[in-house]
Amino acid sequence: MKIQTVSNKIINRIYGYGRGWCFTPKNFHDLGSPEAVRINLYRLEKKGTIRRLVRGLYEYPRKHSSLGMLPPSPQKIAKAVAFRNAVSIQPSGAFAANMLGLSEQVPARIVFLTEGPSRCIRVGSQEILFKKTAPRNLAMHGESSGALIHALRYIGKKQITQQHIEHLKNTIDERTKAKLKNDRIYAPEWMYPIIDKIVGESYV
């Protein structure tokens, strides 16, 4: 039986997650000592297998046949940072609206709410802000349902149209709708009738 080295275990984990995966050394803490992990990630970076985005944050890059390396996903960057720091995150503002197809605006600054300290990370042209918030804003049962509530809050009560509602009703899956029913209590009251229409239920 072949015994895998730390190097093999690390590369197998990276390949297992696939291209576009963002990670930190903490994702390999069970495979070897911190020094062994650091050395192996350094070697993989030098070989061009992975790329370092900022200090302590890496990506197994996606590649396009003509465009070359594609920019990393803000969501995957945020999830990697959240895992490293053991905090929860929630997409918010213009990014949440864009993510759900409610807005074509791609924000220059992408905001994630967190219970951890506020901080900003710049990766290439992307600026990702982790903004400290109250626990209530992170209490949703699902990331998608939470993003939906924050997206509607960003758009605003008077700007939400029937077109927005129909879009969400037709694009979010049943699992997200089920979570949205539970997360309704964390939304402002003016949002209740809108959520009811999206999930296809009415409440007495």
N, C-alpha and C. Protein backbone atom coordinates (compact mmCIF):
# COMPACT_ATOMS: atom_id res chain seq x y z
N MET A 1 0.84 -1.20 0.00
CA MET A 1 0.00 0.00 0.00
C MET A 1 0.88 1.26 0.00
N LYS A 2 0.63 2.14 -0.97
CA LYS A 2 1.43 3.34 -1.11
C LYS A 2 1.05 4.37 -0.05
N ILE A 3 2.08 4.87 0.65
CA ILE A 3 1.85 5.89 1.66
C ILE A 3 1.97 7.27 1.01
N GLN A 4 0.92 8.08 1.16
CA GLN A 4 0.94 9.41 0.56
C GLN A 4 1.79 10.37 1.38
N THR A 5 2.52 11.20 0.69
CA THR A 5 3.30 12.24 1.35
C THR A 5 2.38 13.43 1.62
N VAL A 6 2.86 14.37 2.45
CA VAL A 6 2.10 15.59 2.72
C VAL A 6 1.84 16.32 1.41
N SER A 7 2.85 16.34 0.55
CA SER A 7 2.72 17.02 -0.74
C SER A 7 1.59 16.42 -1.57
N ASN A 8 1.54 15.10 -1.64
CA ASN A 8 0.49 14.42 -2.41
C ASN A 8 -0.90 14.68 -1.82
N LYS A 9 -0.97 14.67 -0.52
CA LYS A 9 -2.26 14.89 0.15
C LYS A 9 -2.77 16.30 -0.12
N ILE A 10 -1.86 17.26 -0.10
CA ILE A 10 -2.26 18.65 -0.34
C ILE A 10 -2.75 18.83 -1.77
N ILE A 11 -1.97 18.33 -2.74
CA ILE A 11 -2.35 18.51 -4.14
C ILE A 11 -3.64 17.76 -4.46
N ASN A 12 -3.84 16.59 -3.86
CA ASN A 12 -5.07 15.83 -4.08
C ASN A 12 -6.28 16.58 -3.54
N ARG A 13 -6.11 17.26 -2.41
CA ARG A 13 -7.22 18.04 -1.86
C ARG A 13 -7.54 19.23 -2.77
N ILE A 14 -6.51 19.88 -3.25
CA ILE A 14 -6.72 21.01 -4.16
C ILE A 14 -7.44 20.56 -5.43
N TYR A 15 -6.97 19.48 -6.03
CA TYR A 15 -7.61 18.95 -7.24
C TYR A 15 -9.04 18.52 -6.95
N GLY A 16 -9.27 17.99 -5.75
CA GLY A 16 -10.60 17.51 -5.39
C GLY A 16 -11.64 18.62 -5.35
N TYR A 17 -11.23 19.81 -4.91
CA TYR A 17 -12.15 20.94 -4.88
C TYR A 17 -12.34 21.57 -6.26
N GLY A 18 -11.37 21.39 -7.12
CA GLY A 18 -11.50 21.88 -8.48
C GLY A 18 -11.05 23.32 -8.66
N ARG A 19 -10.95 23.71 -9.92
CA ARG A 19 -10.49 25.06 -10.25
C ARG A 19 -11.46 26.11 -9.72
N GLY A 20 -10.88 27.20 -9.27
CA GLY A 20 -11.67 28.27 -8.68
C GLY A 20 -11.71 28.23 -7.18
N TRP A 21 -11.22 27.13 -6.58
CA TRP A 21 -11.23 27.01 -5.12
C TRP A 21 -10.24 27.99 -4.51
N CYS A 22 -10.67 28.73 -3.52
CA CYS A 22 -9.81 29.62 -2.74
C CYS A 22 -9.59 29.00 -1.37
N PHE A 23 -8.38 29.13 -0.87
CA PHE A 23 -8.06 28.43 0.38
C PHE A 23 -6.92 29.12 1.11
N THR A 24 -6.73 28.71 2.35
CA THR A 24 -5.64 29.21 3.19
C THR A 24 -4.90 28.00 3.75
N PRO A 25 -3.74 28.18 4.35
CA PRO A 25 -3.03 27.04 4.94
C PRO A 25 -3.88 26.25 5.94
N LYS A 26 -4.85 26.91 6.56
CA LYS A 26 -5.69 26.23 7.55
C LYS A 26 -6.48 25.09 6.93
N ASN A 27 -6.76 25.15 5.63
CA ASN A 27 -7.50 24.10 4.96
C ASN A 27 -6.73 22.77 4.91
N PHE A 28 -5.45 22.80 5.30
CA PHE A 28 -4.62 21.60 5.25
C PHE A 28 -4.01 21.27 6.61
N HIS A 29 -4.59 21.84 7.68
CA HIS A 29 -4.00 21.69 9.01
C HIS A 29 -3.94 20.24 9.46
N ASP A 30 -4.82 19.40 8.90
CA ASP A 30 -4.87 17.99 9.29
C ASP A 30 -3.90 17.12 8.50
N LEU A 31 -3.20 17.71 7.53
CA LEU A 31 -2.34 16.92 6.64
C LEU A 31 -0.87 16.95 7.01
N GLY A 32 -0.49 17.92 7.85
CA GLY A 32 0.92 18.02 8.21
C GLY A 32 1.15 19.23 9.09
N SER A 33 2.40 19.44 9.47
CA SER A 33 2.74 20.58 10.32
C SER A 33 2.55 21.89 9.55
N PRO A 34 2.36 23.01 10.26
CA PRO A 34 2.23 24.30 9.58
C PRO A 34 3.40 24.59 8.65
N GLU A 35 4.61 24.21 9.07
CA GLU A 35 5.78 24.46 8.25
C GLU A 35 5.76 23.62 6.98
N ALA A 36 5.35 22.35 7.09
CA ALA A 36 5.27 21.48 5.91
C ALA A 36 4.23 21.98 4.92
N VAL A 37 3.10 22.44 5.45
CA VAL A 37 2.05 22.99 4.59
C VAL A 37 2.56 24.24 3.90
N ARG A 38 3.20 25.14 4.64
CA ARG A 38 3.70 26.39 4.07
C ARG A 38 4.69 26.12 2.94
N ILE A 39 5.61 25.21 3.17
CA ILE A 39 6.63 24.89 2.17
C ILE A 39 6.00 24.32 0.90
N ASN A 40 5.04 23.43 1.06
CA ASN A 40 4.41 22.81 -0.10
C ASN A 40 3.55 23.79 -0.89
N LEU A 41 2.88 24.70 -0.21
CA LEU A 41 2.11 25.71 -0.92
C LEU A 41 3.04 26.66 -1.66
N TYR A 42 4.18 26.97 -1.07
CA TYR A 42 5.17 27.82 -1.72
C TYR A 42 5.67 27.16 -3.01
N ARG A 43 5.94 25.87 -2.94
CA ARG A 43 6.43 25.14 -4.12
C ARG A 43 5.37 25.09 -5.22
N LEU A 44 4.12 24.86 -4.84
CA LEU A 44 3.04 24.81 -5.82
C LEU A 44 2.83 26.17 -6.47
N GLU A 45 3.02 27.23 -5.68
CA GLU A 45 2.90 28.58 -6.24
C GLU A 45 4.02 28.83 -7.24
N LYS A 46 5.24 28.43 -6.91
CA LYS A 46 6.37 28.63 -7.81
C LYS A 46 6.20 27.85 -9.11
N LYS A 47 5.58 26.68 -9.02
CA LYS A 47 5.34 25.86 -10.22
C LYS A 47 4.20 26.42 -11.06
N GLY A 48 3.40 27.32 -10.49
CA GLY A 48 2.27 27.88 -11.23
C GLY A 48 1.00 27.07 -11.09
N THR A 49 1.02 26.06 -10.22
CA THR A 49 -0.18 25.23 -10.01
C THR A 49 -1.25 26.03 -9.29
N ILE A 50 -0.83 26.81 -8.31
CA ILE A 50 -1.75 27.68 -7.57
C ILE A 50 -1.21 29.11 -7.65
N ARG A 51 -2.04 30.07 -7.30
CA ARG A 51 -1.55 31.44 -7.24
C ARG A 51 -1.90 32.06 -5.89
N ARG A 52 -1.00 32.88 -5.42
CA ARG A 52 -1.22 33.56 -4.15
C ARG A 52 -1.97 34.86 -4.44
N LEU A 53 -3.12 35.05 -3.79
CA LEU A 53 -3.93 36.24 -4.01
C LEU A 53 -3.45 37.39 -3.13
N VAL A 54 -3.33 37.11 -1.85
CA VAL A 54 -2.72 38.01 -0.88
C VAL A 54 -2.01 37.10 0.11
N ARG A 55 -1.34 37.68 1.06
CA ARG A 55 -0.60 36.86 2.03
C ARG A 55 -1.54 35.88 2.72
N GLY A 56 -1.20 34.59 2.65
CA GLY A 56 -1.98 33.56 3.33
C GLY A 56 -3.27 33.17 2.65
N LEU A 57 -3.49 33.61 1.41
CA LEU A 57 -4.72 33.30 0.68
C LEU A 57 -4.35 32.91 -0.75
N TYR A 58 -4.82 31.72 -1.16
CA TYR A 58 -4.44 31.15 -2.45
C TYR A 58 -5.67 30.75 -3.26
N GLU A 59 -5.42 30.49 -4.55
CA GLU A 59 -6.48 30.00 -5.42
C GLU A 59 -5.90 28.96 -6.37
N TYR A 60 -6.72 27.94 -6.65
CA TYR A 60 -6.43 27.01 -7.75
C TYR A 60 -7.12 27.63 -8.96
N PRO A 61 -6.40 28.39 -9.78
CA PRO A 61 -7.05 29.29 -10.73
C PRO A 61 -7.80 28.62 -11.86
N ARG A 62 -8.87 29.31 -12.25
CA ARG A 62 -9.61 28.92 -13.44
C ARG A 62 -8.89 29.50 -14.65
N LYS A 63 -8.89 28.75 -15.75
CA LYS A 63 -8.18 29.21 -16.94
C LYS A 63 -9.11 29.19 -18.15
N HIS A 64 -8.98 30.22 -18.97
CA HIS A 64 -9.76 30.32 -20.20
C HIS A 64 -8.80 30.15 -21.38
N SER A 65 -9.27 29.48 -22.42
CA SER A 65 -8.39 29.16 -23.55
C SER A 65 -7.77 30.39 -24.21
N SER A 66 -8.51 31.49 -24.23
CA SER A 66 -7.99 32.71 -24.87
C SER A 66 -7.72 33.84 -23.89
N LEU A 67 -8.44 33.86 -22.78
CA LEU A 67 -8.29 34.96 -21.81
C LEU A 67 -7.24 34.68 -20.75
N GLY A 68 -6.83 33.43 -20.65
CA GLY A 68 -5.85 33.07 -19.62
C GLY A 68 -6.51 32.89 -18.27
N MET A 69 -5.79 33.27 -17.21
CA MET A 69 -6.33 33.10 -15.86
C MET A 69 -7.49 34.06 -15.63
N LEU A 70 -8.58 33.53 -15.10
CA LEU A 70 -9.76 34.33 -14.81
C LEU A 70 -9.67 34.88 -13.38
N PRO A 71 -10.32 36.01 -13.11
CA PRO A 71 -10.28 36.57 -11.75
C PRO A 71 -10.97 35.65 -10.76
N PRO A 72 -10.53 35.64 -9.52
CA PRO A 72 -11.14 34.76 -8.51
C PRO A 72 -12.53 35.23 -8.14
N SER A 73 -13.36 34.29 -7.67
CA SER A 73 -14.71 34.59 -7.23
C SER A 73 -14.69 35.30 -5.88
N PRO A 74 -15.35 36.46 -5.77
CA PRO A 74 -15.40 37.15 -4.47
C PRO A 74 -16.02 36.29 -3.38
N GLN A 75 -17.04 35.50 -3.74
CA GLN A 75 -17.68 34.63 -2.75
C GLN A 75 -16.71 33.59 -2.22
N LYS A 76 -15.90 33.01 -3.12
CA LYS A 76 -14.97 31.98 -2.69
C LYS A 76 -13.83 32.58 -1.87
N ILE A 77 -13.42 33.77 -2.24
CA ILE A 77 -12.41 34.46 -1.42
C ILE A 77 -12.96 34.69 -0.01
N ALA A 78 -14.19 35.21 0.07
CA ALA A 78 -14.81 35.51 1.36
C ALA A 78 -14.98 34.25 2.20
N LYS A 79 -15.38 33.15 1.56
CA LYS A 79 -15.58 31.90 2.31
C LYS A 79 -14.26 31.37 2.85
N ALA A 80 -13.19 31.52 2.08
CA ALA A 80 -11.87 31.08 2.55
C ALA A 80 -11.42 31.89 3.75
N VAL A 81 -11.62 33.19 3.69
CA VAL A 81 -11.24 34.07 4.81
C VAL A 81 -12.10 33.76 6.04
N ALA A 82 -13.39 33.54 5.80
CA ALA A 82 -14.30 33.23 6.91
C ALA A 82 -13.91 31.92 7.59
N PHE A 83 -13.54 30.91 6.79
CA PHE A 83 -13.11 29.63 7.35
C PHE A 83 -11.84 29.80 8.18
N ARG A 84 -10.90 30.56 7.63
CA ARG A 84 -9.64 30.78 8.36
C ARG A 84 -9.87 31.48 9.68
N ASN A 85 -10.78 32.46 9.69
CA ASN A 85 -11.02 33.26 10.89
C ASN A 85 -12.13 32.72 11.77
N ALA A 86 -12.76 31.60 11.34
CA ALA A 86 -13.85 30.97 12.10
C ALA A 86 -14.98 31.95 12.39
N VAL A 87 -15.43 32.65 11.35
CA VAL A 87 -16.54 33.59 11.48
C VAL A 87 -17.59 33.28 10.42
N SER A 88 -18.80 33.80 10.63
CA SER A 88 -19.87 33.69 9.65
C SER A 88 -19.84 34.92 8.74
N ILE A 89 -20.32 34.74 7.52
CA ILE A 89 -20.40 35.88 6.60
C ILE A 89 -21.74 35.85 5.88
N GLN A 90 -22.13 36.99 5.35
CA GLN A 90 -23.40 37.10 4.62
C GLN A 90 -23.24 38.15 3.52
N PRO A 91 -23.46 37.78 2.24
CA PRO A 91 -23.41 38.78 1.16
C PRO A 91 -24.41 39.89 1.42
N SER A 92 -24.04 41.11 1.08
CA SER A 92 -24.90 42.24 1.41
C SER A 92 -24.86 43.28 0.30
N GLY A 93 -25.78 44.24 0.39
CA GLY A 93 -25.78 45.41 -0.47
C GLY A 93 -25.89 45.11 -1.95
N ALA A 94 -25.17 45.92 -2.73
CA ALA A 94 -25.23 45.83 -4.19
C ALA A 94 -24.75 44.48 -4.68
N PHE A 95 -23.78 43.87 -3.99
CA PHE A 95 -23.28 42.57 -4.42
C PHE A 95 -24.36 41.50 -4.28
N ALA A 96 -25.11 41.51 -3.19
CA ALA A 96 -26.19 40.55 -3.00
C ALA A 96 -27.25 40.72 -4.10
N ALA A 97 -27.56 41.96 -4.43
CA ALA A 97 -28.55 42.23 -5.48
C ALA A 97 -28.06 41.74 -6.83
N ASN A 98 -26.80 41.98 -7.12
CA ASN A 98 -26.21 41.53 -8.38
C ASN A 98 -26.13 40.01 -8.46
N MET A 99 -25.77 39.40 -7.35
CA MET A 99 -25.64 37.95 -7.26
C MET A 99 -26.96 37.24 -7.57
N LEU A 100 -28.07 37.88 -7.18
CA LEU A 100 -29.40 37.29 -7.37
C LEU A 100 -30.06 37.74 -8.68
N GLY A 101 -29.34 38.51 -9.47
CA GLY A 101 -29.88 38.95 -10.75
C GLY A 101 -30.88 40.09 -10.64
N LEU A 102 -30.88 40.79 -9.50
CA LEU A 102 -31.81 41.90 -9.30
C LEU A 102 -31.22 43.22 -9.79
N SER A 103 -29.94 43.22 -10.05
CA SER A 103 -29.26 44.43 -10.50
C SER A 103 -28.11 44.04 -11.42
N GLU A 104 -27.87 44.84 -12.44
CA GLU A 104 -26.74 44.61 -13.34
C GLU A 104 -25.49 45.32 -12.86
N GLN A 105 -25.65 46.13 -11.82
CA GLN A 105 -24.52 46.87 -11.28
C GLN A 105 -23.53 45.95 -10.59
N VAL A 106 -22.28 45.99 -11.03
CA VAL A 106 -21.22 45.24 -10.37
C VAL A 106 -20.47 46.21 -9.45
N PRO A 107 -20.64 46.09 -8.14
CA PRO A 107 -20.05 47.08 -7.23
C PRO A 107 -18.52 47.05 -7.22
N ALA A 108 -17.93 48.22 -7.08
CA ALA A 108 -16.47 48.31 -6.97
C ALA A 108 -16.01 47.73 -5.64
N ARG A 109 -16.84 47.90 -4.61
CA ARG A 109 -16.54 47.35 -3.28
C ARG A 109 -17.60 46.33 -2.93
N ILE A 110 -17.18 45.11 -2.71
CA ILE A 110 -18.08 44.00 -2.41
C ILE A 110 -18.15 43.82 -0.90
N VAL A 111 -19.37 43.85 -0.36
CA VAL A 111 -19.54 43.84 1.09
C VAL A 111 -20.10 42.52 1.60
N PHE A 112 -19.44 41.97 2.61
CA PHE A 112 -19.93 40.81 3.34
C PHE A 112 -20.07 41.22 4.81
N LEU A 113 -21.22 40.93 5.38
CA LEU A 113 -21.42 41.18 6.80
C LEU A 113 -20.79 40.04 7.60
N THR A 114 -20.30 40.35 8.79
CA THR A 114 -19.66 39.33 9.64
C THR A 114 -19.77 39.75 11.09
N GLU A 115 -19.64 38.77 11.99
CA GLU A 115 -19.58 39.10 13.41
C GLU A 115 -18.14 39.37 13.85
N GLY A 116 -17.20 39.12 12.93
CA GLY A 116 -15.79 39.38 13.23
C GLY A 116 -15.46 40.85 13.01
N PRO A 117 -14.21 41.20 13.20
CA PRO A 117 -13.81 42.61 13.02
C PRO A 117 -13.91 43.05 11.57
N SER A 118 -14.16 44.32 11.37
CA SER A 118 -14.21 44.87 10.01
C SER A 118 -12.80 44.89 9.43
N ARG A 119 -12.71 44.53 8.15
CA ARG A 119 -11.42 44.58 7.47
C ARG A 119 -11.67 44.61 5.97
N CYS A 120 -10.68 45.01 5.21
CA CYS A 120 -10.81 45.11 3.77
C CYS A 120 -9.66 44.34 3.12
N ILE A 121 -9.99 43.57 2.07
CA ILE A 121 -8.99 42.83 1.32
C ILE A 121 -9.06 43.27 -0.14
N ARG A 122 -7.93 43.59 -0.72
CA ARG A 122 -7.89 43.94 -2.13
C ARG A 122 -7.19 42.82 -2.90
N VAL A 123 -7.91 42.26 -3.87
CA VAL A 123 -7.37 41.21 -4.74
C VAL A 123 -7.51 41.69 -6.17
N GLY A 124 -6.40 42.08 -6.77
CA GLY A 124 -6.46 42.65 -8.12
C GLY A 124 -7.28 43.93 -8.09
N SER A 125 -8.31 43.98 -8.94
CA SER A 125 -9.17 45.17 -8.98
C SER A 125 -10.35 45.05 -8.02
N GLN A 126 -10.47 43.91 -7.33
CA GLN A 126 -11.59 43.68 -6.43
C GLN A 126 -11.25 44.14 -5.01
N GLU A 127 -12.19 44.84 -4.42
CA GLU A 127 -12.06 45.25 -3.02
C GLU A 127 -13.18 44.59 -2.24
N ILE A 128 -12.81 43.74 -1.30
CA ILE A 128 -13.79 42.98 -0.53
C ILE A 128 -13.76 43.47 0.91
N LEU A 129 -14.92 43.97 1.34
CA LEU A 129 -15.03 44.53 2.69
C LEU A 129 -15.81 43.58 3.59
N PHE A 130 -15.20 43.23 4.72
CA PHE A 130 -15.90 42.46 5.76
C PHE A 130 -16.33 43.48 6.79
N LYS A 131 -17.66 43.62 6.92
CA LYS A 131 -18.22 44.68 7.77
C LYS A 131 -18.88 44.08 9.00
N LYS A 132 -18.40 44.47 10.16
CA LYS A 132 -18.96 43.96 11.41
C LYS A 132 -20.41 44.39 11.55
N THR A 133 -21.27 43.43 11.96
CA THR A 133 -22.70 43.73 12.07
C THR A 133 -23.28 43.04 13.30
N ALA A 134 -24.54 43.35 13.58
CA ALA A 134 -25.22 42.72 14.72
C ALA A 134 -25.55 41.26 14.40
N PRO A 135 -25.55 40.37 15.40
CA PRO A 135 -25.84 38.96 15.18
C PRO A 135 -27.15 38.71 14.44
N ARG A 136 -28.15 39.57 14.64
CA ARG A 136 -29.45 39.39 13.98
C ARG A 136 -29.30 39.34 12.46
N ASN A 137 -28.37 40.12 11.92
CA ASN A 137 -28.18 40.17 10.48
C ASN A 137 -27.48 38.95 9.91
N LEU A 138 -27.03 38.06 10.80
CA LEU A 138 -26.37 36.83 10.37
C LEU A 138 -27.14 35.59 10.81
N ALA A 139 -28.35 35.80 11.31
CA ALA A 139 -29.10 34.70 11.91
C ALA A 139 -29.87 33.85 10.91
N MET A 140 -29.85 34.22 9.61
CA MET A 140 -30.60 33.48 8.61
C MET A 140 -30.11 32.04 8.50
N HIS A 141 -31.03 31.15 8.12
CA HIS A 141 -30.69 29.73 8.03
C HIS A 141 -29.92 29.37 6.76
N GLY A 142 -30.02 30.19 5.74
CA GLY A 142 -29.35 29.90 4.49
C GLY A 142 -28.67 31.12 3.91
N GLU A 143 -27.52 30.91 3.26
CA GLU A 143 -26.79 32.04 2.67
C GLU A 143 -27.63 32.71 1.59
N SER A 144 -28.30 31.90 0.75
CA SER A 144 -29.09 32.47 -0.35
C SER A 144 -30.29 33.25 0.16
N SER A 145 -30.98 32.71 1.16
CA SER A 145 -32.14 33.42 1.69
C SER A 145 -31.70 34.69 2.40
N GLY A 146 -30.56 34.63 3.10
CA GLY A 146 -30.05 35.83 3.76
C GLY A 146 -29.64 36.88 2.75
N ALA A 147 -28.98 36.44 1.67
CA ALA A 147 -28.58 37.38 0.62
C ALA A 147 -29.81 38.03 0.00
N LEU A 148 -30.88 37.26 -0.16
CA LEU A 148 -32.11 37.80 -0.74
C LEU A 148 -32.69 38.91 0.14
N ILE A 149 -32.74 38.68 1.43
CA ILE A 149 -33.27 39.68 2.35
C ILE A 149 -32.42 40.94 2.33
N HIS A 150 -31.09 40.77 2.32
CA HIS A 150 -30.20 41.94 2.28
C HIS A 150 -30.28 42.65 0.94
N ALA A 151 -30.50 41.89 -0.14
CA ALA A 151 -30.63 42.50 -1.46
C ALA A 151 -31.89 43.35 -1.55
N LEU A 152 -33.01 42.83 -1.01
CA LEU A 152 -34.26 43.58 -1.02
C LEU A 152 -34.13 44.85 -0.16
N ARG A 153 -33.42 44.73 0.95
CA ARG A 153 -33.21 45.89 1.81
C ARG A 153 -32.39 46.95 1.06
N TYR A 154 -31.40 46.50 0.30
CA TYR A 154 -30.57 47.43 -0.47
C TYR A 154 -31.38 48.14 -1.55
N ILE A 155 -32.22 47.39 -2.27
CA ILE A 155 -33.04 47.99 -3.33
C ILE A 155 -34.01 49.00 -2.74
N GLY A 156 -34.64 48.64 -1.62
CA GLY A 156 -35.54 49.55 -0.94
C GLY A 156 -37.00 49.28 -1.23
N LYS A 157 -37.83 49.54 -0.24
CA LYS A 157 -39.26 49.23 -0.31
C LYS A 157 -39.94 49.84 -1.54
N LYS A 158 -39.66 51.10 -1.83
CA LYS A 158 -40.36 51.80 -2.91
C LYS A 158 -39.82 51.45 -4.30
N GLN A 159 -38.63 50.86 -4.35
CA GLN A 159 -38.03 50.56 -5.65
C GLN A 159 -38.24 49.10 -6.09
N ILE A 160 -38.73 48.26 -5.19
CA ILE A 160 -38.95 46.85 -5.54
C ILE A 160 -40.19 46.75 -6.43
N THR A 161 -40.03 46.11 -7.57
CA THR A 161 -41.12 46.00 -8.55
C THR A 161 -41.64 44.57 -8.62
N GLN A 162 -42.77 44.42 -9.29
CA GLN A 162 -43.33 43.10 -9.53
C GLN A 162 -42.36 42.25 -10.35
N GLN A 163 -41.61 42.91 -11.21
CA GLN A 163 -40.62 42.20 -12.02
C GLN A 163 -39.54 41.58 -11.14
N HIS A 164 -39.11 42.33 -10.12
CA HIS A 164 -38.14 41.78 -9.16
C HIS A 164 -38.70 40.54 -8.48
N ILE A 165 -39.95 40.66 -8.04
CA ILE A 165 -40.59 39.55 -7.31
C ILE A 165 -40.72 38.32 -8.20
N GLU A 166 -41.17 38.52 -9.43
CA GLU A 166 -41.34 37.39 -10.36
C GLU A 166 -40.00 36.74 -10.69
N HIS A 167 -38.97 37.57 -10.82
CA HIS A 167 -37.64 37.03 -11.10
C HIS A 167 -37.19 36.10 -9.98
N LEU A 168 -37.33 36.55 -8.73
CA LEU A 168 -36.92 35.74 -7.59
C LEU A 168 -37.78 34.49 -7.46
N LYS A 169 -39.06 34.65 -7.67
CA LYS A 169 -39.99 33.52 -7.56
C LYS A 169 -39.63 32.42 -8.55
N ASN A 170 -39.15 32.82 -9.73
CA ASN A 170 -38.86 31.85 -10.79
C ASN A 170 -37.43 31.33 -10.80
N THR A 171 -36.53 32.01 -10.09
CA THR A 171 -35.12 31.60 -10.16
C THR A 171 -34.59 30.92 -8.90
N ILE A 172 -35.13 31.23 -7.73
CA ILE A 172 -34.62 30.56 -6.53
C ILE A 172 -35.28 29.19 -6.39
N ASP A 173 -34.53 28.22 -5.88
CA ASP A 173 -35.04 26.85 -5.79
C ASP A 173 -35.94 26.67 -4.56
N GLU A 174 -36.58 25.51 -4.53
CA GLU A 174 -37.53 25.23 -3.44
C GLU A 174 -36.85 25.16 -2.08
N ARG A 175 -35.61 24.70 -2.07
CA ARG A 175 -34.88 24.61 -0.80
C ARG A 175 -34.65 26.01 -0.22
N THR A 176 -34.28 26.95 -1.10
CA THR A 176 -34.06 28.33 -0.65
C THR A 176 -35.38 28.95 -0.19
N LYS A 177 -36.47 28.65 -0.91
CA LYS A 177 -37.78 29.17 -0.52
C LYS A 177 -38.17 28.65 0.87
N ALA A 178 -37.87 27.38 1.13
CA ALA A 178 -38.19 26.80 2.45
C ALA A 178 -37.41 27.52 3.55
N LYS A 179 -36.13 27.81 3.29
CA LYS A 179 -35.32 28.52 4.28
C LYS A 179 -35.79 29.96 4.43
N LEU A 180 -36.24 30.54 3.31
CA LEU A 180 -36.72 31.92 3.34
C LEU A 180 -37.96 32.05 4.23
N LYS A 181 -38.79 31.02 4.25
CA LYS A 181 -39.97 31.03 5.12
C LYS A 181 -39.55 31.16 6.58
N ASN A 182 -38.49 30.43 6.95
CA ASN A 182 -38.00 30.50 8.33
C ASN A 182 -37.28 31.82 8.62
N ASP A 183 -36.59 32.33 7.61
CA ASP A 183 -35.80 33.55 7.80
C ASP A 183 -36.63 34.81 7.72
N ARG A 184 -37.88 34.68 7.36
CA ARG A 184 -38.79 35.83 7.22
C ARG A 184 -38.83 36.68 8.49
N ILE A 185 -38.69 36.05 9.64
CA ILE A 185 -38.78 36.77 10.92
C ILE A 185 -37.63 37.75 11.12
N TYR A 186 -36.52 37.55 10.36
CA TYR A 186 -35.36 38.43 10.50
C TYR A 186 -35.43 39.62 9.54
N ALA A 187 -36.43 39.63 8.69
CA ALA A 187 -36.60 40.72 7.73
C ALA A 187 -37.44 41.83 8.34
N PRO A 188 -37.32 43.06 7.85
CA PRO A 188 -38.21 44.13 8.32
C PRO A 188 -39.65 43.83 7.92
N GLU A 189 -40.61 44.34 8.66
CA GLU A 189 -42.02 44.00 8.43
C GLU A 189 -42.50 44.37 7.04
N TRP A 190 -41.99 45.46 6.48
CA TRP A 190 -42.46 45.87 5.14
C TRP A 190 -42.11 44.83 4.09
N MET A 191 -41.16 43.95 4.40
CA MET A 191 -40.71 42.94 3.44
C MET A 191 -41.58 41.67 3.48
N TYR A 192 -42.39 41.49 4.54
CA TYR A 192 -43.17 40.27 4.69
C TYR A 192 -44.05 39.95 3.48
N PRO A 193 -44.87 40.90 2.99
CA PRO A 193 -45.72 40.60 1.84
C PRO A 193 -44.92 40.23 0.59
N ILE A 194 -43.75 40.82 0.44
CA ILE A 194 -42.89 40.53 -0.72
C ILE A 194 -42.36 39.10 -0.63
N ILE A 195 -41.89 38.73 0.56
CA ILE A 195 -41.39 37.37 0.76
C ILE A 195 -42.52 36.35 0.57
N ASP A 196 -43.73 36.69 1.06
CA ASP A 196 -44.87 35.79 0.90
C ASP A 196 -45.13 35.50 -0.58
N LYS A 197 -45.02 36.52 -1.40
CA LYS A 197 -45.25 36.34 -2.84
C LYS A 197 -44.15 35.49 -3.47
N ILE A 198 -42.94 35.69 -3.01
CA ILE A 198 -41.81 34.93 -3.57
C ILE A 198 -41.93 33.44 -3.26
N VAL A 199 -42.28 33.13 -2.01
CA VAL A 199 -42.37 31.72 -1.61
C VAL A 199 -43.73 31.10 -1.95
N GLY A 200 -44.68 31.96 -2.38
CA GLY A 200 -45.99 31.43 -2.80
C GLY A 200 -46.89 31.06 -1.66
N GLU A 201 -46.75 31.77 -0.53
CA GLU A 201 -47.62 31.51 0.61
C GLU A 201 -48.13 32.82 1.18
N SER A 202 -49.23 32.72 1.92
CA SER A 202 -49.73 33.87 2.65
C SER A 202 -49.84 33.49 4.11
N TYR A 203 -49.63 34.49 4.96
CA TYR A 203 -49.67 34.25 6.40
C TYR A 203 -50.81 35.05 7.01
N VAL A 204 -51.44 34.46 7.95
CA VAL A 204 -52.56 35.14 8.64
C VAL A 204 -51.99 35.93 9.79
